[in-house]
Amino acid sequence: MLKAYKYRIYPNSEQALLIEKHFGCSRFVFNWALALQKRYYAMFGKSLSRTQIQSQLVKKKKTGKFAWLNEVNSQSLLNALLNVYTAFTNFQRSCQISAL
């Protein structure tokens, strides 16, 4: 049996702004990493590893153009990368199963 808990939060304006920043940065990193994975897969026929994607994100955060990614904690960004990696791994697994 699985249980679920539902919570309602009442953030103040400062907390709401921080939550919006986290969601926005996570969405940006997810879309960026997905595009990166798609390009790499189209070129080489295999996907990037988690560490390769993470190192690309670190390089991107060090550039001045994407320094705003440093305003949020890295755990939410790494979770977005993990979601992309998991999705691509599941995609490859489903392709292998359908090929059999």
C-alpha atoms as a PDB file:
ATOM      1  CA  MET A   1       0.000   0.000   0.000  1.00  0.00           C
ATOM      2  CA  LEU A   2       1.311   3.403  -0.967  1.00  0.00           C
ATOM      3  CA  LYS A   3       0.528   6.515   1.006  1.00  0.00           C
ATOM      4  CA  ALA A   4       0.618  10.050  -0.209  1.00  0.00           C
ATOM      5  CA  TYR A   5       0.696  13.233   1.781  1.00  0.00           C
ATOM      6  CA  LYS A   6      -0.439  16.545   0.472  1.00  0.00           C
ATOM      7  CA  TYR A   7       0.815  19.769   2.000  1.00  0.00           C
ATOM      8  CA  ARG A   8      -0.149  23.333   1.368  1.00  0.00           C
ATOM      9  CA  ILE A   9       2.417  26.036   1.897  1.00  0.00           C
ATOM     10  CA  TYR A  10       1.938  29.741   2.331  1.00  0.00           C
ATOM     11  CA  PRO A  11       5.197  31.369   1.272  1.00  0.00           C
ATOM     12  CA  ASN A  12       5.794  35.060   1.742  1.00  0.00           C
ATOM     13  CA  SER A  13       6.765  37.151  -1.280  1.00  0.00           C
ATOM     14  CA  GLU A  14      10.506  36.542  -0.812  1.00  0.00           C
ATOM     15  CA  GLN A  15      10.041  32.785  -0.538  1.00  0.00           C
ATOM     16  CA  ALA A  16       7.680  32.733  -3.525  1.00  0.00           C
ATOM     17  CA  LEU A  17      10.293  34.547  -5.604  1.00  0.00           C
ATOM     18  CA  LEU A  18      12.953  32.007  -4.591  1.00  0.00           C
ATOM     19  CA  ILE A  19      10.636  29.108  -5.461  1.00  0.00           C
ATOM     20  CA  GLU A  20       9.945  30.647  -8.873  1.00  0.00           C
ATOM     21  CA  LYS A  21      13.695  31.066  -9.461  1.00  0.00           C
ATOM     22  CA  HIS A  22      14.297  27.402  -8.633  1.00  0.00           C
ATOM     23  CA  PHE A  23      11.530  26.238 -10.960  1.00  0.00           C
ATOM     24  CA  GLY A  24      12.709  28.505 -13.763  1.00  0.00           C
ATOM     25  CA  CYS A  25      16.363  27.494 -13.471  1.00  0.00           C
ATOM     26  CA  SER A  26      15.455  23.810 -13.246  1.00  0.00           C
ATOM     27  CA  ARG A  27      13.252  24.099 -16.330  1.00  0.00           C
ATOM     28  CA  PHE A  28      16.041  25.874 -18.235  1.00  0.00           C
ATOM     29  CA  VAL A  29      18.647  23.264 -17.238  1.00  0.00           C
ATOM     30  CA  PHE A  30      16.299  20.398 -18.131  1.00  0.00           C
ATOM     31  CA  ASN A  31      15.580  21.802 -21.596  1.00  0.00           C
ATOM     32  CA  TRP A  32      19.256  22.648 -22.191  1.00  0.00           C
ATOM     33  CA  ALA A  33      20.425  19.165 -21.137  1.00  0.00           C
ATOM     34  CA  LEU A  34      17.725  17.485 -23.224  1.00  0.00           C
ATOM     35  CA  ALA A  35      18.806  19.436 -26.310  1.00  0.00           C
ATOM     36  CA  LEU A  36      22.437  18.539 -25.578  1.00  0.00           C
ATOM     37  CA  GLN A  37      21.580  14.840 -25.251  1.00  0.00           C
ATOM     38  CA  LYS A  38      19.552  14.881 -28.474  1.00  0.00           C
ATOM     39  CA  ARG A  39      22.371  16.542 -30.434  1.00  0.00           C
ATOM     40  CA  TYR A  40      24.972  14.136 -29.049  1.00  0.00           C
ATOM     41  CA  TYR A  41      22.748  11.120 -29.749  1.00  0.00           C
ATOM     42  CA  ALA A  42      22.088  12.290 -33.322  1.00  0.00           C
ATOM     43  CA  MET A  43      25.809  12.777 -33.961  1.00  0.00           C
ATOM     44  CA  PHE A  44      27.286   9.711 -32.241  1.00  0.00           C
ATOM     45  CA  GLY A  45      24.403   7.286 -31.657  1.00  0.00           C
ATOM     46  CA  LYS A  46      24.946   7.139 -27.900  1.00  0.00           C
ATOM     47  CA  SER A  47      24.111   9.347 -24.964  1.00  0.00           C
ATOM     48  CA  LEU A  48      26.289  11.371 -22.628  1.00  0.00           C
ATOM     49  CA  SER A  49      26.982  10.049 -19.141  1.00  0.00           C
ATOM     50  CA  ARG A  50      25.749  11.870 -16.046  1.00  0.00           C
ATOM     51  CA  THR A  51      29.222  13.127 -15.222  1.00  0.00           C
ATOM     52  CA  GLN A  52      29.707  14.477 -18.739  1.00  0.00           C
ATOM     53  CA  ILE A  53      26.452  16.412 -18.549  1.00  0.00           C
ATOM     54  CA  GLN A  54      27.320  17.713 -15.079  1.00  0.00           C
ATOM     55  CA  SER A  55      30.728  18.921 -16.223  1.00  0.00           C
ATOM     56  CA  GLN A  56      29.077  20.744 -19.136  1.00  0.00           C
ATOM     57  CA  LEU A  57      26.718  22.436 -16.678  1.00  0.00           C
ATOM     58  CA  VAL A  58      29.619  23.532 -14.470  1.00  0.00           C
ATOM     59  CA  LYS A  59      31.361  25.055 -17.493  1.00  0.00           C
ATOM     60  CA  LYS A  60      28.153  26.794 -18.506  1.00  0.00           C
ATOM     61  CA  LYS A  61      27.637  28.240 -15.011  1.00  0.00           C
ATOM     62  CA  LYS A  62      31.152  29.717 -15.034  1.00  0.00           C
ATOM     63  CA  THR A  63      30.465  31.796 -18.129  1.00  0.00           C
ATOM     64  CA  GLY A  64      29.194  35.296 -17.528  1.00  0.00           C
ATOM     65  CA  LYS A  65      26.138  34.768 -19.693  1.00  0.00           C
ATOM     66  CA  PHE A  66      24.777  32.005 -17.448  1.00  0.00           C
ATOM     67  CA  ALA A  67      26.024  33.216 -14.064  1.00  0.00           C
ATOM     68  CA  TRP A  68      22.392  33.627 -12.981  1.00  0.00           C
ATOM     69  CA  LEU A  69      22.263  29.838 -12.538  1.00  0.00           C
ATOM     70  CA  ASN A  70      24.438  30.337  -9.448  1.00  0.00           C
ATOM     71  CA  GLU A  71      21.566  32.140  -7.695  1.00  0.00           C
ATOM     72  CA  VAL A  72      19.892  28.824  -6.843  1.00  0.00           C
ATOM     73  CA  ASN A  73      21.348  25.810  -5.080  1.00  0.00           C
ATOM     74  CA  SER A  74      22.985  23.157  -7.191  1.00  0.00           C
ATOM     75  CA  GLN A  75      20.827  20.276  -5.926  1.00  0.00           C
ATOM     76  CA  SER A  76      17.767  21.414  -7.864  1.00  0.00           C
ATOM     77  CA  LEU A  77      19.843  21.809 -11.034  1.00  0.00           C
ATOM     78  CA  LEU A  78      21.457  18.405 -10.587  1.00  0.00           C
ATOM     79  CA  ASN A  79      18.026  16.875 -10.067  1.00  0.00           C
ATOM     80  CA  ALA A  80      16.943  18.303 -13.428  1.00  0.00           C
ATOM     81  CA  LEU A  81      20.027  16.699 -15.011  1.00  0.00           C
ATOM     82  CA  LEU A  82      19.204  13.403 -13.329  1.00  0.00           C
ATOM     83  CA  ASN A  83      15.675  13.559 -14.760  1.00  0.00           C
ATOM     84  CA  VAL A  84      17.063  14.054 -18.283  1.00  0.00           C
ATOM     85  CA  TYR A  85      19.562  11.220 -17.847  1.00  0.00           C
ATOM     86  CA  THR A  86      16.860   8.879 -16.537  1.00  0.00           C
ATOM     87  CA  ALA A  87      14.502   9.772 -19.382  1.00  0.00           C
ATOM     88  CA  PHE A  88      17.180   9.142 -21.998  1.00  0.00           C
ATOM     89  CA  THR A  89      18.210   5.860 -20.357  1.00  0.00           C
ATOM     90  CA  ASN A  90      14.582   4.707 -20.370  1.00  0.00           C
ATOM     91  CA  PHE A  91      14.272   5.781 -24.015  1.00  0.00           C
ATOM     92  CA  GLN A  92      17.314   3.724 -25.015  1.00  0.00           C
ATOM     93  CA  ARG A  93      16.060   0.749 -23.028  1.00  0.00           C
ATOM     94  CA  SER A  94      12.670   0.896 -24.762  1.00  0.00           C
ATOM     95  CA  CYS A  95      14.393   1.081 -28.168  1.00  0.00           C
ATOM     96  CA  GLN A  96      16.432  -2.023 -27.345  1.00  0.00           C
ATOM     97  CA  ILE A  97      13.347  -3.922 -26.204  1.00  0.00           C
ATOM     98  CA  SER A  98      11.370  -2.979 -29.314  1.00  0.00           C
ATOM     99  CA  ALA A  99      14.294  -4.052 -31.530  1.00  0.00           C
ATOM    100  CA  LEU A 100      14.084  -7.574 -30.140  1.00  0.00           C
END
